Amino acid sequence: MIRSSSAAPLNYGEALGAESPKDFIHKNGIVLKELKESRVCFKLLKHINYGEDKARIKLLEECEELIKIIATRIKNAKLKMNSK
């Protein structure tokens, strides 16, 4: 859980410094994979009833929002790259 949830922002920082649109898409793809892994961890925590429900639900919601944001960034970058 710590590895996947801390890897996403670190990889996002890498994506912001991407050397090309293709590199930006690739690095954000890694961010997306780490966020999806974190989502699975949150669901597992729910399944075993670990932690405070309210906090766990909030964290899962935040993770879902971040997944949507990064997926949209990737989609838009691909569209922009393909329109050139």
C-alpha atoms as a PDB file:
ATOM      1  CA  MET A   1       0.000   0.000   0.000  1.00  0.00           C
ATOM      2  CA  ILE A   2       2.724   2.451   0.925  1.00  0.00           C
ATOM      3  CA  ARG A   3       4.755   1.605  -2.171  1.00  0.00           C
ATOM      4  CA  SER A   4       1.941   2.061  -4.689  1.00  0.00           C
ATOM      5  CA  SER A   5       0.420   5.112  -3.025  1.00  0.00           C
ATOM      6  CA  SER A   6       3.767   6.880  -2.710  1.00  0.00           C
ATOM      7  CA  ALA A   7       4.921   5.884  -6.202  1.00  0.00           C
ATOM      8  CA  ALA A   8       2.054   7.699  -7.942  1.00  0.00           C
ATOM      9  CA  PRO A   9       3.035  11.258  -6.939  1.00  0.00           C
ATOM     10  CA  LEU A  10       6.728  10.575  -7.477  1.00  0.00           C
ATOM     11  CA  ASN A  11       6.070   9.286 -10.988  1.00  0.00           C
ATOM     12  CA  TYR A  12       3.753  12.229 -11.642  1.00  0.00           C
ATOM     13  CA  GLY A  13       6.669  14.517 -10.863  1.00  0.00           C
ATOM     14  CA  GLU A  14       8.687  12.595 -13.447  1.00  0.00           C
ATOM     15  CA  ALA A  15       5.860  13.013 -15.973  1.00  0.00           C
ATOM     16  CA  LEU A  16       5.853  16.776 -15.485  1.00  0.00           C
ATOM     17  CA  GLY A  17       9.481  16.788 -16.607  1.00  0.00           C
ATOM     18  CA  ALA A  18       8.882  14.520 -19.596  1.00  0.00           C
ATOM     19  CA  GLU A  19      11.135  15.089 -22.580  1.00  0.00           C
ATOM     20  CA  SER A  20       8.472  14.486 -25.210  1.00  0.00           C
ATOM     21  CA  PRO A  21       4.719  13.954 -25.519  1.00  0.00           C
ATOM     22  CA  LYS A  22       5.324  10.221 -25.888  1.00  0.00           C
ATOM     23  CA  ASP A  23       7.413  10.212 -22.693  1.00  0.00           C
ATOM     24  CA  PHE A  24       4.673  12.213 -20.906  1.00  0.00           C
ATOM     25  CA  ILE A  25       2.065   9.635 -21.902  1.00  0.00           C
ATOM     26  CA  HIS A  26       4.287   6.737 -20.851  1.00  0.00           C
ATOM     27  CA  LYS A  27       5.119   8.216 -17.449  1.00  0.00           C
ATOM     28  CA  ASN A  28       1.498   9.079 -16.755  1.00  0.00           C
ATOM     29  CA  GLY A  29       0.640   5.506 -17.704  1.00  0.00           C
ATOM     30  CA  ILE A  30       2.886   4.386 -14.854  1.00  0.00           C
ATOM     31  CA  VAL A  31       1.111   6.834 -12.529  1.00  0.00           C
ATOM     32  CA  LEU A  32      -2.222   5.334 -13.600  1.00  0.00           C
ATOM     33  CA  LYS A  33      -1.000   1.786 -12.895  1.00  0.00           C
ATOM     34  CA  GLU A  34       0.161   2.777  -9.410  1.00  0.00           C
ATOM     35  CA  LEU A  35      -3.147   4.492  -8.651  1.00  0.00           C
ATOM     36  CA  LYS A  36      -5.068   1.414  -9.785  1.00  0.00           C
ATOM     37  CA  GLU A  37      -2.875  -0.732  -7.561  1.00  0.00           C
ATOM     38  CA  SER A  38      -3.644   1.606  -4.650  1.00  0.00           C
ATOM     39  CA  ARG A  39      -7.360   1.283  -5.431  1.00  0.00           C
ATOM     40  CA  VAL A  40      -7.095  -2.483  -5.120  1.00  0.00           C
ATOM     41  CA  CYS A  41      -5.339  -2.065  -1.761  1.00  0.00           C
ATOM     42  CA  PHE A  42      -8.134   0.181  -0.492  1.00  0.00           C
ATOM     43  CA  LYS A  43     -10.713  -2.374  -1.591  1.00  0.00           C
ATOM     44  CA  LEU A  44      -8.793  -5.126   0.195  1.00  0.00           C
ATOM     45  CA  LEU A  45      -8.721  -3.017   3.358  1.00  0.00           C
ATOM     46  CA  LYS A  46     -12.485  -2.638   3.074  1.00  0.00           C
ATOM     47  CA  HIS A  47     -12.902  -6.375   2.585  1.00  0.00           C
ATOM     48  CA  ILE A  48     -10.988  -7.173   5.777  1.00  0.00           C
ATOM     49  CA  ASN A  49     -12.622  -4.224   7.581  1.00  0.00           C
ATOM     50  CA  TYR A  50      -9.285  -2.626   8.412  1.00  0.00           C
ATOM     51  CA  GLY A  51      -9.195   0.961   9.597  1.00  0.00           C
ATOM     52  CA  GLU A  52     -11.846   3.580  10.096  1.00  0.00           C
ATOM     53  CA  ASP A  53     -14.644   3.295   7.537  1.00  0.00           C
ATOM     54  CA  LYS A  54     -14.988   7.038   6.966  1.00  0.00           C
ATOM     55  CA  ALA A  55     -11.270   7.571   6.335  1.00  0.00           C
ATOM     56  CA  ARG A  56     -10.969   4.512   4.126  1.00  0.00           C
ATOM     57  CA  ILE A  57     -13.969   5.551   2.018  1.00  0.00           C
ATOM     58  CA  LYS A  58     -12.575   9.087   1.615  1.00  0.00           C
ATOM     59  CA  LEU A  59      -9.190   7.746   0.518  1.00  0.00           C
ATOM     60  CA  LEU A  60     -10.801   5.400  -2.006  1.00  0.00           C
ATOM     61  CA  GLU A  61     -12.877   8.283  -3.403  1.00  0.00           C
ATOM     62  CA  GLU A  62      -9.745  10.432  -3.735  1.00  0.00           C
ATOM     63  CA  CYS A  63      -7.959   7.591  -5.495  1.00  0.00           C
ATOM     64  CA  GLU A  64     -10.883   7.182  -7.932  1.00  0.00           C
ATOM     65  CA  GLU A  65     -10.788  10.917  -8.712  1.00  0.00           C
ATOM     66  CA  LEU A  66      -7.052  10.827  -9.345  1.00  0.00           C
ATOM     67  CA  ILE A  67      -7.497   7.836 -11.673  1.00  0.00           C
ATOM     68  CA  LYS A  68     -10.062   9.813 -13.681  1.00  0.00           C
ATOM     69  CA  ILE A  69      -7.815  12.879 -13.841  1.00  0.00           C
ATOM     70  CA  ILE A  70      -4.722  10.974 -14.990  1.00  0.00           C
ATOM     71  CA  ALA A  71      -6.713   8.895 -17.500  1.00  0.00           C
ATOM     72  CA  THR A  72      -8.096  12.131 -18.972  1.00  0.00           C
ATOM     73  CA  ARG A  73      -4.619  13.676 -19.141  1.00  0.00           C
ATOM     74  CA  ILE A  74      -3.345  10.619 -21.015  1.00  0.00           C
ATOM     75  CA  LYS A  75      -6.320  10.663 -23.390  1.00  0.00           C
ATOM     76  CA  ASN A  76      -5.908  14.378 -24.115  1.00  0.00           C
ATOM     77  CA  ALA A  77      -2.151  14.044 -24.635  1.00  0.00           C
ATOM     78  CA  LYS A  78      -2.726  11.191 -27.115  1.00  0.00           C
ATOM     79  CA  LEU A  79      -5.326  13.235 -29.003  1.00  0.00           C
ATOM     80  CA  LYS A  80      -3.011  16.220 -29.125  1.00  0.00           C
ATOM     81  CA  MET A  81      -0.066  14.097 -30.255  1.00  0.00           C
ATOM     82  CA  ASN A  82      -2.126  12.407 -32.987  1.00  0.00           C
ATOM     83  CA  SER A  83      -3.562  15.683 -34.304  1.00  0.00           C
ATOM     84  CA  LYS A  84      -0.118  17.054 -35.193  1.00  0.00           C
END
